[in-house]
């Protein structure tokens, strides 16, 4: 597995796995790890704009806070709206 190194806005070194992704409306969300061995998952990188500033809720919805790229939740229940 080959990971791309990147740096967060806080100066933290993270590693992006472009082979593993979740589908987003505008582009994929790539898995990001805190270590080069991919043992400690850190979050997601937006494949649409390249931002590491993403958020995930308890239902599995992922959203990029920079460009608005969105992955719909794994399970949807109208009671949560």
N, C-alpha and C. Protein backbone atom coordinates (compact mmCIF):
# COMPACT_ATOMS: atom_id res chain seq x y z
N UNK A 1 0.85 -1.17 0.00
CA UNK A 1 0.00 0.00 0.00
C UNK A 1 0.90 1.24 0.00
N UNK A 2 0.58 2.16 -0.91
CA UNK A 2 1.35 3.40 -0.99
C UNK A 2 0.46 4.55 -0.54
N UNK A 3 0.94 5.32 0.43
CA UNK A 3 0.17 6.44 0.98
C UNK A 3 0.84 7.75 0.59
N UNK A 4 0.02 8.77 0.35
CA UNK A 4 0.51 10.11 0.06
C UNK A 4 0.58 10.89 1.36
N UNK A 5 1.73 11.46 1.66
CA UNK A 5 1.89 12.27 2.87
C UNK A 5 1.31 13.66 2.62
N UNK A 6 0.69 14.22 3.64
CA UNK A 6 0.13 15.56 3.59
C UNK A 6 0.27 16.19 4.96
N UNK A 7 0.05 17.49 5.03
CA UNK A 7 0.15 18.21 6.30
C UNK A 7 -1.15 18.95 6.56
N UNK A 8 -1.68 18.83 7.75
CA UNK A 8 -2.92 19.53 8.13
C UNK A 8 -2.63 21.00 8.36
N UNK A 9 -3.70 21.78 8.52
CA UNK A 9 -3.56 23.21 8.81
C UNK A 9 -2.83 23.45 10.13
N UNK A 10 -2.87 22.48 11.04
CA UNK A 10 -2.19 22.58 12.34
C UNK A 10 -0.75 22.09 12.28
N UNK A 11 -0.29 21.67 11.09
CA UNK A 11 1.08 21.20 10.94
C UNK A 11 1.28 19.73 11.23
N UNK A 12 0.18 18.99 11.42
CA UNK A 12 0.26 17.55 11.70
C UNK A 12 0.48 16.78 10.40
N UNK A 13 1.37 15.81 10.41
CA UNK A 13 1.64 14.97 9.25
C UNK A 13 0.62 13.85 9.21
N UNK A 14 -0.08 13.68 8.08
CA UNK A 14 -1.05 12.61 7.89
C UNK A 14 -0.78 11.92 6.56
N UNK A 15 -1.42 10.76 6.35
CA UNK A 15 -1.15 9.93 5.18
C UNK A 15 -2.45 9.53 4.52
N UNK A 16 -2.58 9.86 3.22
CA UNK A 16 -3.81 9.64 2.46
C UNK A 16 -3.69 8.36 1.64
N UNK A 17 -4.69 7.50 1.78
CA UNK A 17 -4.75 6.25 1.01
C UNK A 17 -5.72 6.46 -0.15
N UNK A 18 -5.20 6.74 -1.32
CA UNK A 18 -6.04 7.03 -2.49
C UNK A 18 -6.64 5.76 -3.11
N UNK A 19 -6.25 4.59 -2.60
CA UNK A 19 -6.84 3.34 -3.08
C UNK A 19 -8.13 2.99 -2.33
N UNK A 20 -8.35 3.63 -1.18
CA UNK A 20 -9.56 3.36 -0.39
C UNK A 20 -10.35 4.65 -0.27
N UNK A 21 -11.58 4.61 -0.76
CA UNK A 21 -12.38 5.83 -0.80
C UNK A 21 -13.86 5.53 -0.56
N UNK A 22 -14.54 6.55 -0.14
CA UNK A 22 -16.00 6.54 0.00
C UNK A 22 -16.55 7.50 -1.05
N UNK A 23 -17.67 7.13 -1.69
CA UNK A 23 -18.24 7.96 -2.74
C UNK A 23 -18.87 9.23 -2.17
N UNK A 24 -18.55 10.36 -2.78
CA UNK A 24 -19.17 11.63 -2.45
C UNK A 24 -19.91 12.17 -3.67
N UNK A 25 -20.76 13.18 -3.49
CA UNK A 25 -21.55 13.73 -4.58
C UNK A 25 -20.68 14.43 -5.62
N UNK A 26 -19.62 15.11 -5.18
CA UNK A 26 -18.76 15.87 -6.09
C UNK A 26 -17.42 15.19 -6.35
N UNK A 27 -17.07 14.21 -5.56
CA UNK A 27 -15.80 13.49 -5.68
C UNK A 27 -15.64 12.55 -4.51
N UNK A 28 -14.66 11.66 -4.55
CA UNK A 28 -14.50 10.69 -3.46
C UNK A 28 -13.95 11.31 -2.18
N UNK A 29 -14.14 10.60 -1.09
CA UNK A 29 -13.51 10.93 0.18
C UNK A 29 -12.49 9.83 0.45
N UNK A 30 -11.21 10.19 0.50
CA UNK A 30 -10.14 9.22 0.71
C UNK A 30 -9.87 9.03 2.20
N UNK A 31 -9.56 7.80 2.59
CA UNK A 31 -9.22 7.52 3.98
C UNK A 31 -7.86 8.15 4.30
N UNK A 32 -7.76 8.71 5.49
CA UNK A 32 -6.53 9.37 5.94
C UNK A 32 -6.11 8.73 7.26
N UNK A 33 -4.81 8.50 7.39
CA UNK A 33 -4.26 7.87 8.59
C UNK A 33 -3.26 8.80 9.28
N UNK A 34 -3.10 8.63 10.58
CA UNK A 34 -2.17 9.43 11.36
C UNK A 34 -0.75 8.90 11.29
N UNK A 35 -0.58 7.69 10.75
CA UNK A 35 0.75 7.08 10.67
C UNK A 35 0.95 6.42 9.30
N UNK A 36 2.19 6.29 8.89
CA UNK A 36 2.53 5.73 7.58
C UNK A 36 2.21 4.25 7.47
N UNK A 37 1.98 3.57 8.58
CA UNK A 37 1.64 2.14 8.57
C UNK A 37 0.13 1.90 8.42
N UNK A 38 -0.63 2.97 8.36
CA UNK A 38 -2.10 2.90 8.23
C UNK A 38 -2.73 2.12 9.38
N UNK A 39 -2.20 2.28 10.56
CA UNK A 39 -2.73 1.59 11.74
C UNK A 39 -3.69 2.48 12.53
N UNK A 40 -3.53 3.79 12.41
CA UNK A 40 -4.31 4.75 13.21
C UNK A 40 -5.10 5.66 12.27
N UNK A 41 -6.38 5.38 12.11
CA UNK A 41 -7.20 6.16 11.18
C UNK A 41 -7.42 7.57 11.72
N UNK A 42 -7.25 8.56 10.85
CA UNK A 42 -7.34 9.96 11.24
C UNK A 42 -8.63 10.61 10.78
N UNK A 43 -9.08 10.31 9.55
CA UNK A 43 -10.29 10.93 9.01
C UNK A 43 -10.38 10.75 7.51
N UNK A 44 -10.81 11.81 6.82
CA UNK A 44 -11.00 11.76 5.36
C UNK A 44 -10.41 12.99 4.69
N UNK A 45 -10.03 12.81 3.44
CA UNK A 45 -9.60 13.92 2.58
C UNK A 45 -10.61 14.02 1.44
N UNK A 46 -11.01 15.23 1.11
CA UNK A 46 -11.97 15.45 0.04
C UNK A 46 -11.27 15.33 -1.32
N UNK A 47 -11.78 14.46 -2.16
CA UNK A 47 -11.22 14.28 -3.50
C UNK A 47 -11.65 15.37 -4.47
N UNK A 48 -12.63 16.17 -4.10
CA UNK A 48 -13.09 17.25 -4.97
C UNK A 48 -12.18 18.47 -4.86
N UNK A 49 -11.85 18.89 -3.63
CA UNK A 49 -11.04 20.10 -3.46
C UNK A 49 -9.70 19.85 -2.77
N UNK A 50 -9.49 18.63 -2.25
CA UNK A 50 -8.22 18.31 -1.60
C UNK A 50 -8.16 18.66 -0.13
N UNK A 51 -9.22 19.18 0.43
CA UNK A 51 -9.24 19.60 1.83
C UNK A 51 -9.22 18.41 2.79
N UNK A 52 -8.58 18.62 3.92
CA UNK A 52 -8.61 17.65 5.01
C UNK A 52 -9.66 18.04 6.05
N UNK A 53 -10.33 19.18 5.83
CA UNK A 53 -11.33 19.70 6.77
C UNK A 53 -12.68 19.08 6.44
N UNK A 54 -12.90 17.87 6.94
CA UNK A 54 -14.14 17.14 6.71
C UNK A 54 -14.76 16.75 8.05
N UNK A 55 -16.03 16.47 8.02
CA UNK A 55 -16.74 16.07 9.24
C UNK A 55 -17.62 14.87 8.94
N UNK A 56 -17.74 13.98 9.93
CA UNK A 56 -18.60 12.80 9.81
C UNK A 56 -19.54 12.76 11.01
N UNK A 57 -20.82 12.50 10.73
CA UNK A 57 -21.77 12.41 11.84
C UNK A 57 -21.99 10.95 12.23
N UNK A 58 -22.83 10.73 13.21
CA UNK A 58 -23.05 9.38 13.75
C UNK A 58 -23.74 8.44 12.77
N UNK A 59 -24.35 8.98 11.73
CA UNK A 59 -25.03 8.14 10.74
C UNK A 59 -24.13 7.81 9.55
N UNK A 60 -22.89 8.31 9.54
CA UNK A 60 -21.96 8.02 8.46
C UNK A 60 -21.94 9.04 7.35
N UNK A 61 -22.66 10.14 7.52
CA UNK A 61 -22.63 11.22 6.53
C UNK A 61 -21.28 11.93 6.64
N UNK A 62 -20.60 12.13 5.50
CA UNK A 62 -19.32 12.84 5.46
C UNK A 62 -19.53 14.11 4.66
N UNK A 63 -19.03 15.24 5.17
CA UNK A 63 -19.14 16.49 4.43
C UNK A 63 -17.84 17.27 4.50
N UNK A 64 -17.43 17.80 3.36
CA UNK A 64 -16.27 18.68 3.31
C UNK A 64 -16.74 20.07 3.72
N UNK A 65 -16.10 20.67 4.70
CA UNK A 65 -16.52 21.99 5.16
C UNK A 65 -16.00 23.10 4.26
N UNK A 66 -15.11 22.77 3.32
CA UNK A 66 -14.61 23.78 2.38
C UNK A 66 -15.47 23.89 1.12
N UNK A 67 -15.77 22.77 0.45
CA UNK A 67 -16.49 22.82 -0.83
C UNK A 67 -17.91 22.27 -0.75
N UNK A 68 -18.29 21.62 0.36
CA UNK A 68 -19.64 21.10 0.50
C UNK A 68 -19.86 19.71 -0.07
N UNK A 69 -18.80 19.07 -0.60
CA UNK A 69 -18.91 17.70 -1.08
C UNK A 69 -19.55 16.86 0.03
N UNK A 70 -20.47 15.98 -0.34
CA UNK A 70 -21.26 15.27 0.66
C UNK A 70 -21.39 13.79 0.31
N UNK A 71 -21.22 12.96 1.32
CA UNK A 71 -21.53 11.53 1.22
C UNK A 71 -22.76 11.31 2.07
N UNK A 72 -23.78 10.70 1.47
CA UNK A 72 -25.02 10.45 2.20
C UNK A 72 -24.78 9.42 3.30
N UNK A 73 -25.61 9.44 4.34
CA UNK A 73 -25.43 8.49 5.45
C UNK A 73 -25.64 7.04 5.03
N UNK A 74 -25.04 6.13 5.78
CA UNK A 74 -25.21 4.70 5.54
C UNK A 74 -26.66 4.28 5.69
N UNK A 75 -27.28 4.76 6.75
CA UNK A 75 -28.68 4.45 7.02
C UNK A 75 -29.39 5.77 7.24
N UNK A 76 -30.56 5.89 6.67
CA UNK A 76 -31.32 7.12 6.81
C UNK A 76 -32.64 6.83 7.48
N UNK A 77 -33.00 7.67 8.43
CA UNK A 77 -34.24 7.51 9.16
C UNK A 77 -34.85 8.90 9.29
N UNK A 78 -36.07 9.08 8.85
CA UNK A 78 -36.73 10.38 8.89
C UNK A 78 -36.81 10.93 10.31
N UNK A 79 -36.76 10.08 11.31
CA UNK A 79 -36.82 10.53 12.70
C UNK A 79 -35.59 11.34 13.09
N UNK A 80 -34.49 11.19 12.34
CA UNK A 80 -33.27 11.92 12.66
C UNK A 80 -33.26 13.33 12.09
N UNK A 81 -34.21 13.66 11.25
CA UNK A 81 -34.25 14.98 10.61
C UNK A 81 -35.00 15.96 11.44
